[in-house]
Amino acid sequence: MAPSAAAAPYKLFNARAMNGDFSNWDGWEFRSEWSKSLMMLDLPRWRGEHDKVTILGEQGLGDEIAYASCLPEMIVRLGHDNVVLECQDRLISVMERSFRIQCLPRRNLDVARDGYVAALGDIPRFFRKDLAHFPGLPYLKPDPAKVEFWRKWLNEKGSGPYIGVAWEARQGRLDVASLVGALQGFCLISLQYGDFTPPEGVIVPPLDPIKDFADQINLIAALDRVVSLPMTVVHVAGALGVPCDVILLPWLEGFEDTQDRLDWSFGRVCPWYKSVNIHRSLDGWKTAQPRKQGVSRRKTG
């Protein structure tokens, strides 16, 4: 199908999904050049057969984490030994621990594989036909020993509750001073990646959020809450069951131009995670900001 012909069904799917309609996934297969390339290859595509299937991870870390919420259903249908996941290296340890399946680093599409193949992003069309089919429950399992390490580290930094914050993403940048001011009285932990000057009142943990992403998952598991723009840390928090507030902003000039790529993960609802709440503006979030009393979900001692 020509690119122009693929654009319309893809955008129609996004429009439906943003309104919570998942009855028809037609068009989702045109989501990226990677998925279009997969369709062009002569590989045995999985259509629900009870046989071994290699699932090919795709897109970004957040996408792979979201689509992985369908793996439990795959495992129930096929068994642990018949599901193999190819994903980013940084996800291998947490995926193996969470699902007890074999995980491999991403490989070229044309590498020979046993049995069938399926794109990780295509799995939801088999199991998510309605909003009611999104369980929204935690499914990632952090490393217990490392979570305990981060809990002790947090306790050394001050009294909780402990809130992870991230303020810049593809969508734009939050007014950090306003964010910090609204969370005055909490212990704020940076989850931001990239080069930045730490805002006053925000503690930067001793890890690289990109290189040490697997350990950042353990840190987020130790937090009481996350406040962020739409980015990977939101998917991590949701997949762990950590309460999370997502703040949406208008697309801003100077940031990545993705206005033609609707992100239905944060549409009318966030179907993936029950612990994630969506706010349409910074001011809208402030009216529903977490209060110190009742926000903690764990003992801090």
C-alpha atoms as a PDB file:
ATOM      1  CA  MET A   1       0.000   0.000   0.000  1.00  0.00           C
ATOM      2  CA  ALA A   2       1.321   3.453  -0.899  1.00  0.00           C
ATOM      3  CA  PRO A   3       2.282   5.734   2.032  1.00  0.00           C
ATOM      4  CA  SER A   4      -0.571   8.140   1.275  1.00  0.00           C
ATOM      5  CA  ALA A   5      -3.062   5.270   1.206  1.00  0.00           C
ATOM      6  CA  ALA A   6      -1.741   3.926   4.533  1.00  0.00           C
ATOM      7  CA  ALA A   7      -1.978   7.289   6.302  1.00  0.00           C
ATOM      8  CA  ALA A   8      -5.776   7.464   6.319  1.00  0.00           C
ATOM      9  CA  PRO A   9      -6.530   4.063   7.960  1.00  0.00           C
ATOM     10  CA  TYR A  10      -3.710   4.653  10.479  1.00  0.00           C
ATOM     11  CA  LYS A  11      -5.129   8.024  11.513  1.00  0.00           C
ATOM     12  CA  LEU A  12      -8.647   6.602  11.655  1.00  0.00           C
ATOM     13  CA  PHE A  13      -7.460   3.901  14.061  1.00  0.00           C
ATOM     14  CA  ASN A  14      -5.781   6.516  16.255  1.00  0.00           C
ATOM     15  CA  ALA A  15      -8.944   8.599  16.307  1.00  0.00           C
ATOM     16  CA  ARG A  16     -10.997   5.592  17.372  1.00  0.00           C
ATOM     17  CA  ALA A  17      -8.465   4.530  20.011  1.00  0.00           C
ATOM     18  CA  MET A  18      -8.180   8.017  21.497  1.00  0.00           C
ATOM     19  CA  ASN A  19     -11.925   7.805  22.146  1.00  0.00           C
ATOM     20  CA  GLY A  20     -11.642   4.364  23.723  1.00  0.00           C
ATOM     21  CA  ASP A  21     -12.890   2.335  20.729  1.00  0.00           C
ATOM     22  CA  PHE A  22     -10.709  -0.756  20.172  1.00  0.00           C
ATOM     23  CA  SER A  23     -13.238  -2.852  18.260  1.00  0.00           C
ATOM     24  CA  ASN A  24     -11.345  -2.380  14.988  1.00  0.00           C
ATOM     25  CA  TRP A  25      -7.538  -2.349  14.805  1.00  0.00           C
ATOM     26  CA  ASP A  26      -7.380  -1.875  11.020  1.00  0.00           C
ATOM     27  CA  GLY A  27      -4.736   0.711  10.166  1.00  0.00           C
ATOM     28  CA  TRP A  28      -2.553   0.101  13.223  1.00  0.00           C
ATOM     29  CA  GLU A  29      -0.228  -2.020  11.062  1.00  0.00           C
ATOM     30  CA  PHE A  30       0.932   1.179   9.329  1.00  0.00           C
ATOM     31  CA  ARG A  31       2.206   2.740  12.572  1.00  0.00           C
ATOM     32  CA  SER A  32       5.893   2.831  11.609  1.00  0.00           C
ATOM     33  CA  GLU A  33       8.377   2.076   8.862  1.00  0.00           C
ATOM     34  CA  TRP A  34       9.509  -0.921  10.919  1.00  0.00           C
ATOM     35  CA  SER A  35       6.044  -2.500  10.926  1.00  0.00           C
ATOM     36  CA  LYS A  36       5.648  -1.800   7.206  1.00  0.00           C
ATOM     37  CA  SER A  37       9.004  -3.522   6.561  1.00  0.00           C
ATOM     38  CA  LEU A  38       7.889  -6.544   8.587  1.00  0.00           C
ATOM     39  CA  MET A  39       4.800  -6.923   6.376  1.00  0.00           C
ATOM     40  CA  MET A  40       7.036  -7.000   3.291  1.00  0.00           C
ATOM     41  CA  LEU A  41       9.139  -9.935   4.515  1.00  0.00           C
ATOM     42  CA  ASP A  42       8.250 -13.562   3.863  1.00  0.00           C
ATOM     43  CA  LEU A  43       7.962 -14.578   7.515  1.00  0.00           C
ATOM     44  CA  PRO A  44       5.309 -16.895   9.027  1.00  0.00           C
ATOM     45  CA  ARG A  45       3.087 -14.363  10.817  1.00  0.00           C
ATOM     46  CA  TRP A  46       1.310 -15.480  13.989  1.00  0.00           C
ATOM     47  CA  ARG A  47      -2.495 -15.342  13.751  1.00  0.00           C
ATOM     48  CA  GLY A  48      -3.324 -17.100  17.003  1.00  0.00           C
ATOM     49  CA  GLU A  49      -1.884 -20.560  16.299  1.00  0.00           C
ATOM     50  CA  HIS A  50      -0.963 -22.790  19.246  1.00  0.00           C
ATOM     51  CA  ASP A  51       2.697 -23.011  18.309  1.00  0.00           C
ATOM     52  CA  LYS A  52       6.022 -21.406  19.139  1.00  0.00           C
ATOM     53  CA  VAL A  53       6.083 -17.677  18.452  1.00  0.00           C
ATOM     54  CA  THR A  54       8.926 -15.183  18.519  1.00  0.00           C
ATOM     55  CA  ILE A  55       7.654 -11.732  19.430  1.00  0.00           C
ATOM     56  CA  LEU A  56       9.597  -8.877  17.862  1.00  0.00           C
ATOM     57  CA  GLY A  57       9.907  -5.795  20.034  1.00  0.00           C
ATOM     58  CA  GLU A  58       9.517  -2.426  18.340  1.00  0.00           C
ATOM     59  CA  GLN A  59       9.448   1.360  18.718  1.00  0.00           C
ATOM     60  CA  GLY A  60      10.569   2.859  22.038  1.00  0.00           C
ATOM     61  CA  LEU A  61      11.038   1.547  25.542  1.00  0.00           C
ATOM     62  CA  GLY A  62       7.671   2.868  26.681  1.00  0.00           C
ATOM     63  CA  ASP A  63       5.882   1.224  23.763  1.00  0.00           C
ATOM     64  CA  GLU A  64       7.522  -2.134  24.459  1.00  0.00           C
ATOM     65  CA  ILE A  65       6.545  -1.915  28.123  1.00  0.00           C
ATOM     66  CA  ALA A  66       2.919  -1.067  27.265  1.00  0.00           C
ATOM     67  CA  TYR A  67       2.487  -3.826  24.665  1.00  0.00           C
ATOM     68  CA  ALA A  68       4.116  -6.322  27.047  1.00  0.00           C
ATOM     69  CA  SER A  69       0.938  -6.147  29.126  1.00  0.00           C
ATOM     70  CA  CYS A  70      -0.468  -8.678  26.628  1.00  0.00           C
ATOM     71  CA  LEU A  71       2.262 -11.244  27.279  1.00  0.00           C
ATOM     72  CA  PRO A  72       0.428 -12.951  30.180  1.00  0.00           C
ATOM     73  CA  GLU A  73      -2.423 -13.842  27.787  1.00  0.00           C
ATOM     74  CA  MET A  74       0.082 -15.103  25.227  1.00  0.00           C
ATOM     75  CA  ILE A  75       1.708 -17.293  27.861  1.00  0.00           C
ATOM     76  CA  VAL A  76      -1.642 -18.701  29.034  1.00  0.00           C
ATOM     77  CA  ARG A  77      -2.477 -19.604  25.441  1.00  0.00           C
ATOM     78  CA  LEU A  78       0.909 -20.995  24.366  1.00  0.00           C
ATOM     79  CA  GLY A  79       2.925 -21.795  27.509  1.00  0.00           C
ATOM     80  CA  HIS A  80       6.139 -20.203  28.758  1.00  0.00           C
ATOM     81  CA  ASP A  81       8.375 -22.358  26.564  1.00  0.00           C
ATOM     82  CA  ASN A  82       6.598 -21.342  23.352  1.00  0.00           C
ATOM     83  CA  VAL A  83       6.943 -17.577  23.775  1.00  0.00           C
ATOM     84  CA  VAL A  84      10.254 -15.872  22.958  1.00  0.00           C
ATOM     85  CA  LEU A  85      10.647 -12.097  23.147  1.00  0.00           C
ATOM     86  CA  GLU A  86      13.205 -10.046  21.249  1.00  0.00           C
ATOM     87  CA  CYS A  87      13.484  -6.675  22.948  1.00  0.00           C
ATOM     88  CA  GLN A  88      15.921  -3.909  23.793  1.00  0.00           C
ATOM     89  CA  ASP A  89      18.866  -5.066  25.887  1.00  0.00           C
ATOM     90  CA  ARG A  90      17.869  -2.760  28.741  1.00  0.00           C
ATOM     91  CA  LEU A  91      14.558  -4.601  29.117  1.00  0.00           C
ATOM     92  CA  ILE A  92      15.786  -8.195  29.054  1.00  0.00           C
ATOM     93  CA  SER A  93      16.323  -8.650  32.793  1.00  0.00           C
ATOM     94  CA  VAL A  94      12.965  -7.203  33.874  1.00  0.00           C
ATOM     95  CA  MET A  95      11.045  -9.022  31.122  1.00  0.00           C
ATOM     96  CA  GLU A  96      12.587 -12.388  32.004  1.00  0.00           C
ATOM     97  CA  ARG A  97      11.897 -11.828  35.700  1.00  0.00           C
ATOM     98  CA  SER A  98       8.322 -10.654  35.092  1.00  0.00           C
ATOM     99  CA  PHE A  99       7.158 -13.259  32.574  1.00  0.00           C
ATOM    100  CA  ARG A 100       9.582 -16.197  32.960  1.00  0.00           C
ATOM    101  CA  ILE A 101      10.119 -16.458  29.209  1.00  0.00           C
ATOM    102  CA  GLN A 102      13.243 -16.457  27.075  1.00  0.00           C
ATOM    103  CA  CYS A 103      14.276 -12.946  26.049  1.00  0.00           C
ATOM    104  CA  LEU A 104      16.835 -12.112  23.368  1.00  0.00           C
ATOM    105  CA  PRO A 105      18.377  -8.865  22.124  1.00  0.00           C
ATOM    106  CA  ARG A 106      16.729  -7.353  19.081  1.00  0.00           C
ATOM    107  CA  ARG A 107      17.891  -8.858  15.791  1.00  0.00           C
ATOM    108  CA  ASN A 108      17.457  -8.024  12.128  1.00  0.00           C
ATOM    109  CA  LEU A 109      14.019  -8.772  10.742  1.00  0.00           C
ATOM    110  CA  ASP A 110      15.309 -11.207   8.137  1.00  0.00           C
ATOM    111  CA  VAL A 111      17.079 -13.492  10.663  1.00  0.00           C
ATOM    112  CA  ALA A 112      15.708 -17.061  10.565  1.00  0.00           C
ATOM    113  CA  ARG A 113      13.491 -18.008  13.516  1.00  0.00           C
ATOM    114  CA  ASP A 114      11.638 -21.133  14.632  1.00  0.00           C
ATOM    115  CA  GLY A 115       7.871 -21.222  14.353  1.00  0.00           C
ATOM    116  CA  TYR A 116       5.852 -18.050  13.893  1.00  0.00           C
ATOM    117  CA  VAL A 117       6.734 -14.381  14.420  1.00  0.00           C
ATOM    118  CA  ALA A 118       4.584 -11.534  15.702  1.00  0.00           C
ATOM    119  CA  ALA A 119       5.272  -7.844  16.185  1.00  0.00           C
ATOM    120  CA  LEU A 120       4.891  -6.919  19.848  1.00  0.00           C
ATOM    121  CA  GLY A 121       2.713  -3.989  18.777  1.00  0.00           C
ATOM    122  CA  ASP A 122       0.355  -6.334  16.926  1.00  0.00           C
ATOM    123  CA  ILE A 123      -0.374  -8.528  19.955  1.00  0.00           C
ATOM    124  CA  PRO A 124      -2.995  -6.141  21.457  1.00  0.00           C
ATOM    125  CA  ARG A 125      -5.288  -6.581  18.452  1.00  0.00           C
ATOM    126  CA  PHE A 126      -5.819 -10.204  19.559  1.00  0.00           C
ATOM    127  CA  PHE A 127      -6.503  -9.454  23.232  1.00  0.00           C
ATOM    128  CA  ARG A 128      -7.711  -5.836  23.511  1.00  0.00           C
ATOM    129  CA  LYS A 129     -11.005  -5.536  21.604  1.00  0.00           C
ATOM    130  CA  ASP A 130     -12.666  -3.303  24.170  1.00  0.00           C
ATOM    131  CA  LEU A 131     -11.654  -0.995  27.024  1.00  0.00           C
ATOM    132  CA  ALA A 132     -12.892  -3.680  29.399  1.00  0.00           C
ATOM    133  CA  HIS A 133     -10.214  -6.015  27.956  1.00  0.00           C
ATOM    134  CA  PHE A 134      -7.386  -3.812  29.313  1.00  0.00           C
ATOM    135  CA  PRO A 135      -6.739  -5.197  32.822  1.00  0.00           C
ATOM    136  CA  GLY A 136      -4.678  -2.165  33.853  1.00  0.00           C
ATOM    137  CA  LEU A 137      -3.030  -4.163  36.645  1.00  0.00           C
ATOM    138  CA  PRO A 138       0.721  -4.248  37.463  1.00  0.00           C
ATOM    139  CA  TYR A 139       2.753  -6.812  35.559  1.00  0.00           C
ATOM    140  CA  LEU A 140       6.408  -5.754  35.763  1.00  0.00           C
ATOM    141  CA  LYS A 141       8.437  -7.218  38.618  1.00  0.00           C
ATOM    142  CA  PRO A 142      11.421  -5.178  39.824  1.00  0.00           C
ATOM    143  CA  ASP A 143      14.465  -6.645  41.526  1.00  0.00           C
ATOM    144  CA  PRO A 144      13.465  -6.885  45.240  1.00  0.00           C
ATOM    145  CA  ALA A 145      17.012  -6.434  46.552  1.00  0.00           C
ATOM    146  CA  LYS A 146      17.582  -3.320  44.460  1.00  0.00           C
ATOM    147  CA  VAL A 147      14.204  -1.871  45.379  1.00  0.00           C
ATOM    148  CA  GLU A 148      15.224  -2.219  49.023  1.00  0.00           C
ATOM    149  CA  PHE A 149      18.516  -0.446  48.223  1.00  0.00           C
ATOM    150  CA  TRP A 150      16.606   2.487  46.747  1.00  0.00           C
ATOM    151  CA  ARG A 151      14.215   2.617  49.673  1.00  0.00           C
ATOM    152  CA  LYS A 152      17.146   2.959  52.064  1.00  0.00           C
ATOM    153  CA  TRP A 153      18.697   5.596  49.796  1.00  0.00           C
ATOM    154  CA  LEU A 154      15.431   7.556  49.746  1.00  0.00           C
ATOM    155  CA  ASN A 155      15.121   7.442  53.518  1.00  0.00           C
ATOM    156  CA  GLU A 156      18.601   8.940  53.782  1.00  0.00           C
ATOM    157  CA  LYS A 157      17.547  11.869  51.585  1.00  0.00           C
ATOM    158  CA  GLY A 158      14.646  12.969  53.747  1.00  0.00           C
ATOM    159  CA  SER A 159      11.194  12.021  54.901  1.00  0.00           C
ATOM    160  CA  GLY A 160       8.628  10.886  52.390  1.00  0.00           C
ATOM    161  CA  PRO A 161       6.369  10.678  50.577  1.00  0.00           C
ATOM    162  CA  TYR A 162       8.806  10.343  47.662  1.00  0.00           C
ATOM    163  CA  ILE A 163       7.673  11.629  44.287  1.00  0.00           C
ATOM    164  CA  GLY A 164       9.560  11.089  41.030  1.00  0.00           C
ATOM    165  CA  VAL A 165       9.351  14.002  38.589  1.00  0.00           C
ATOM    166  CA  ALA A 166      10.199  14.411  34.890  1.00  0.00           C
ATOM    167  CA  TRP A 167       9.580  17.750  33.200  1.00  0.00           C
ATOM    168  CA  GLU A 168      10.810  17.627  29.593  1.00  0.00           C
ATOM    169  CA  ALA A 169       9.797  15.297  26.748  1.00  0.00           C
ATOM    170  CA  ARG A 170       8.933  15.356  23.044  1.00  0.00           C
ATOM    171  CA  GLN A 171       5.766  17.241  23.871  1.00  0.00           C
ATOM    172  CA  GLY A 172       7.495  20.188  25.518  1.00  0.00           C
ATOM    173  CA  ARG A 173       8.709  21.345  28.903  1.00  0.00           C
ATOM    174  CA  LEU A 174       6.887  21.963  32.142  1.00  0.00           C
ATOM    175  CA  ASP A 175       7.416  25.084  34.225  1.00  0.00           C
ATOM    176  CA  VAL A 176       9.727  23.354  36.681  1.00  0.00           C
ATOM    177  CA  ALA A 177       9.484  26.070  39.327  1.00  0.00           C
ATOM    178  CA  SER A 178       5.695  25.810  39.261  1.00  0.00           C
ATOM    179  CA  LEU A 179       5.891  22.012  39.452  1.00  0.00           C
ATOM    180  CA  VAL A 180       8.294  22.064  42.400  1.00  0.00           C
ATOM    181  CA  GLY A 181       6.277  24.747  44.142  1.00  0.00           C
ATOM    182  CA  ALA A 182       3.090  22.726  43.832  1.00  0.00           C
ATOM    183  CA  LEU A 183       4.855  19.745  45.409  1.00  0.00           C
ATOM    184  CA  GLN A 184       6.417  21.653  48.271  1.00  0.00           C
ATOM    185  CA  GLY A 185       6.764  19.442  51.317  1.00  0.00           C
ATOM    186  CA  PHE A 186       7.400  16.258  49.327  1.00  0.00           C
ATOM    187  CA  CYS A 187      10.795  14.679  48.689  1.00  0.00           C
ATOM    188  CA  LEU A 188      11.253  15.104  44.932  1.00  0.00           C
ATOM    189  CA  ILE A 189      13.426  12.698  42.931  1.00  0.00           C
ATOM    190  CA  SER A 190      14.507  13.394  39.353  1.00  0.00           C
ATOM    191  CA  LEU A 191      13.508  10.846  36.718  1.00  0.00           C
ATOM    192  CA  GLN A 192      14.546  13.167  33.883  1.00  0.00           C
ATOM    193  CA  TYR A 193      17.030  11.988  31.264  1.00  0.00           C
ATOM    194  CA  GLY A 194      19.402  13.978  29.055  1.00  0.00           C
ATOM    195  CA  ASP A 195      21.541  16.989  29.919  1.00  0.00           C
ATOM    196  CA  PHE A 196      19.893  19.340  32.404  1.00  0.00           C
ATOM    197  CA  THR A 197      20.610  21.548  35.376  1.00  0.00           C
ATOM    198  CA  PRO A 198      18.957  20.009  38.434  1.00  0.00           C
ATOM    199  CA  PRO A 199      16.098  22.248  39.588  1.00  0.00           C
ATOM    200  CA  GLU A 200      16.366  23.527  43.121  1.00  0.00           C
ATOM    201  CA  GLY A 201      14.543  21.183  45.447  1.00  0.00           C
ATOM    202  CA  VAL A 202      14.893  18.110  43.199  1.00  0.00           C
ATOM    203  CA  ILE A 203      17.326  15.319  44.112  1.00  0.00           C
ATOM    204  CA  VAL A 204      19.194  13.586  41.284  1.00  0.00           C
ATOM    205  CA  PRO A 205      19.772   9.871  41.972  1.00  0.00           C
ATOM    206  CA  PRO A 206      23.193   8.271  41.349  1.00  0.00           C
ATOM    207  CA  LEU A 207      22.320   6.534  38.083  1.00  0.00           C
ATOM    208  CA  ASP A 208      22.152   7.252  34.376  1.00  0.00           C
ATOM    209  CA  PRO A 209      18.461   6.978  33.377  1.00  0.00           C
ATOM    210  CA  ILE A 210      19.456   5.780  29.895  1.00  0.00           C
ATOM    211  CA  LYS A 211      22.388   3.441  30.542  1.00  0.00           C
ATOM    212  CA  ASP A 212      21.010   2.256  33.883  1.00  0.00           C
ATOM    213  CA  PHE A 213      17.387   2.063  32.761  1.00  0.00           C
ATOM    214  CA  ALA A 214      16.882  -1.387  34.315  1.00  0.00           C
ATOM    215  CA  ASP A 215      17.841   0.041  37.696  1.00  0.00           C
ATOM    216  CA  GLN A 216      15.669   3.125  37.200  1.00  0.00           C
ATOM    217  CA  ILE A 217      12.755   0.684  37.096  1.00  0.00           C
ATOM    218  CA  ASN A 218      13.761  -0.447  40.600  1.00  0.00           C
ATOM    219  CA  LEU A 219      13.982   3.164  41.771  1.00  0.00           C
ATOM    220  CA  ILE A 220      10.495   3.945  40.438  1.00  0.00           C
ATOM    221  CA  ALA A 221       9.179   0.848  42.236  1.00  0.00           C
ATOM    222  CA  ALA A 222      10.455   2.372  45.492  1.00  0.00           C
ATOM    223  CA  LEU A 223       8.666   5.708  44.962  1.00  0.00           C
ATOM    224  CA  ASP A 224       5.246   6.698  46.236  1.00  0.00           C
ATOM    225  CA  ARG A 225       4.197   8.561  43.102  1.00  0.00           C
ATOM    226  CA  VAL A 226       5.376   9.867  39.723  1.00  0.00           C
ATOM    227  CA  VAL A 227       4.490  13.206  38.089  1.00  0.00           C
ATOM    228  CA  SER A 228       5.586  13.539  34.473  1.00  0.00           C
ATOM    229  CA  LEU A 229       4.906  14.546  30.907  1.00  0.00           C
ATOM    230  CA  PRO A 230       4.060  11.600  28.599  1.00  0.00           C
ATOM    231  CA  MET A 231       7.290   9.591  28.437  1.00  0.00           C
ATOM    232  CA  THR A 232       8.765   6.219  29.296  1.00  0.00           C
ATOM    233  CA  VAL A 233       8.736   6.706  33.075  1.00  0.00           C
ATOM    234  CA  VAL A 234       4.926   6.883  32.911  1.00  0.00           C
ATOM    235  CA  HIS A 235       4.766   3.431  31.322  1.00  0.00           C
ATOM    236  CA  VAL A 236       7.194   2.110  33.923  1.00  0.00           C
ATOM    237  CA  ALA A 237       5.138   3.519  36.805  1.00  0.00           C
ATOM    238  CA  GLY A 238       1.906   2.163  35.352  1.00  0.00           C
ATOM    239  CA  ALA A 239       3.349  -1.289  34.692  1.00  0.00           C
ATOM    240  CA  LEU A 240       4.596  -1.385  38.298  1.00  0.00           C
ATOM    241  CA  GLY A 241       1.326  -0.082  39.740  1.00  0.00           C
ATOM    242  CA  VAL A 242       2.917   3.101  41.082  1.00  0.00           C
ATOM    243  CA  PRO A 243       0.407   6.011  41.152  1.00  0.00           C
ATOM    244  CA  CYS A 244       1.257   8.429  38.359  1.00  0.00           C
ATOM    245  CA  ASP A 245      -0.002  11.807  37.153  1.00  0.00           C
ATOM    246  CA  VAL A 246       0.547  12.584  33.446  1.00  0.00           C
ATOM    247  CA  ILE A 247       0.405  16.247  32.464  1.00  0.00           C
ATOM    248  CA  LEU A 248      -0.411  16.982  28.831  1.00  0.00           C
ATOM    249  CA  LEU A 249       0.727  20.197  27.153  1.00  0.00           C
ATOM    250  CA  PRO A 250       0.045  21.743  23.739  1.00  0.00           C
ATOM    251  CA  TRP A 251       2.776  20.983  21.201  1.00  0.00           C
ATOM    252  CA  LEU A 252       5.400  23.696  21.531  1.00  0.00           C
ATOM    253  CA  GLU A 253       7.527  25.256  18.817  1.00  0.00           C
ATOM    254  CA  GLY A 254      11.088  24.007  18.969  1.00  0.00           C
ATOM    255  CA  PHE A 255      10.239  20.540  20.233  1.00  0.00           C
ATOM    256  CA  GLU A 256      10.036  17.359  18.162  1.00  0.00           C
ATOM    257  CA  ASP A 257       7.413  17.670  15.456  1.00  0.00           C
ATOM    258  CA  THR A 258       5.059  14.780  16.096  1.00  0.00           C
ATOM    259  CA  GLN A 259       1.758  16.561  15.639  1.00  0.00           C
ATOM    260  CA  ASP A 260       0.745  14.115  12.916  1.00  0.00           C
ATOM    261  CA  ARG A 261       1.379  11.120  15.186  1.00  0.00           C
ATOM    262  CA  LEU A 262      -1.520  10.943  17.588  1.00  0.00           C
ATOM    263  CA  ASP A 263      -0.609   9.194  20.818  1.00  0.00           C
ATOM    264  CA  TRP A 264      -3.716   7.262  21.792  1.00  0.00           C
ATOM    265  CA  SER A 265      -1.997   5.927  24.916  1.00  0.00           C
ATOM    266  CA  PHE A 266      -2.939   9.260  26.494  1.00  0.00           C
ATOM    267  CA  GLY A 267      -6.223   9.990  24.793  1.00  0.00           C
ATOM    268  CA  ARG A 268      -9.580  10.245  26.542  1.00  0.00           C
ATOM    269  CA  VAL A 269      -8.231   7.631  28.933  1.00  0.00           C
ATOM    270  CA  CYS A 270      -4.963   5.784  29.443  1.00  0.00           C
ATOM    271  CA  PRO A 271      -6.170   2.223  28.827  1.00  0.00           C
ATOM    272  CA  TRP A 272      -2.954   0.472  29.836  1.00  0.00           C
ATOM    273  CA  TYR A 273      -2.738   1.303  33.553  1.00  0.00           C
ATOM    274  CA  LYS A 274      -5.240   1.871  36.329  1.00  0.00           C
ATOM    275  CA  SER A 275      -2.630   3.730  38.392  1.00  0.00           C
ATOM    276  CA  VAL A 276      -2.145   6.475  35.751  1.00  0.00           C
ATOM    277  CA  ASN A 277      -4.248   9.655  35.789  1.00  0.00           C
ATOM    278  CA  ILE A 278      -4.292  12.128  32.872  1.00  0.00           C
ATOM    279  CA  HIS A 279      -4.417  15.903  33.341  1.00  0.00           C
ATOM    280  CA  ARG A 280      -4.976  18.231  30.394  1.00  0.00           C
ATOM    281  CA  SER A 281      -2.805  21.064  31.707  1.00  0.00           C
ATOM    282  CA  LEU A 282      -0.429  21.988  34.489  1.00  0.00           C
ATOM    283  CA  ASP A 283      -3.166  24.087  36.103  1.00  0.00           C
ATOM    284  CA  GLY A 284      -5.600  21.194  35.805  1.00  0.00           C
ATOM    285  CA  TRP A 285      -3.130  18.943  37.560  1.00  0.00           C
ATOM    286  CA  LYS A 286      -2.584  21.462  40.360  1.00  0.00           C
ATOM    287  CA  THR A 287      -6.241  21.270  41.328  1.00  0.00           C
ATOM    288  CA  ALA A 288      -5.864  17.502  41.775  1.00  0.00           C
ATOM    289  CA  GLN A 289      -2.286  17.415  43.060  1.00  0.00           C
ATOM    290  CA  PRO A 290      -1.360  14.742  45.611  1.00  0.00           C
ATOM    291  CA  ARG A 291      -1.644  15.815  49.226  1.00  0.00           C
ATOM    292  CA  LYS A 292       0.969  14.767  51.740  1.00  0.00           C
ATOM    293  CA  GLN A 293      -1.594  12.992  53.879  1.00  0.00           C
ATOM    294  CA  GLY A 294      -2.659   9.730  52.272  1.00  0.00           C
ATOM    295  CA  VAL A 295      -0.209   9.779  49.341  1.00  0.00           C
ATOM    296  CA  SER A 296       2.279   7.285  50.774  1.00  0.00           C
ATOM    297  CA  ARG A 297       1.740   3.695  49.688  1.00  0.00           C
ATOM    298  CA  ARG A 298       4.485   2.097  51.764  1.00  0.00           C
ATOM    299  CA  LYS A 299       6.323   2.392  55.045  1.00  0.00           C
ATOM    300  CA  THR A 300       9.339   4.661  54.823  1.00  0.00           C
ATOM    301  CA  GLY A 301      11.179   3.338  57.852  1.00  0.00           C
END
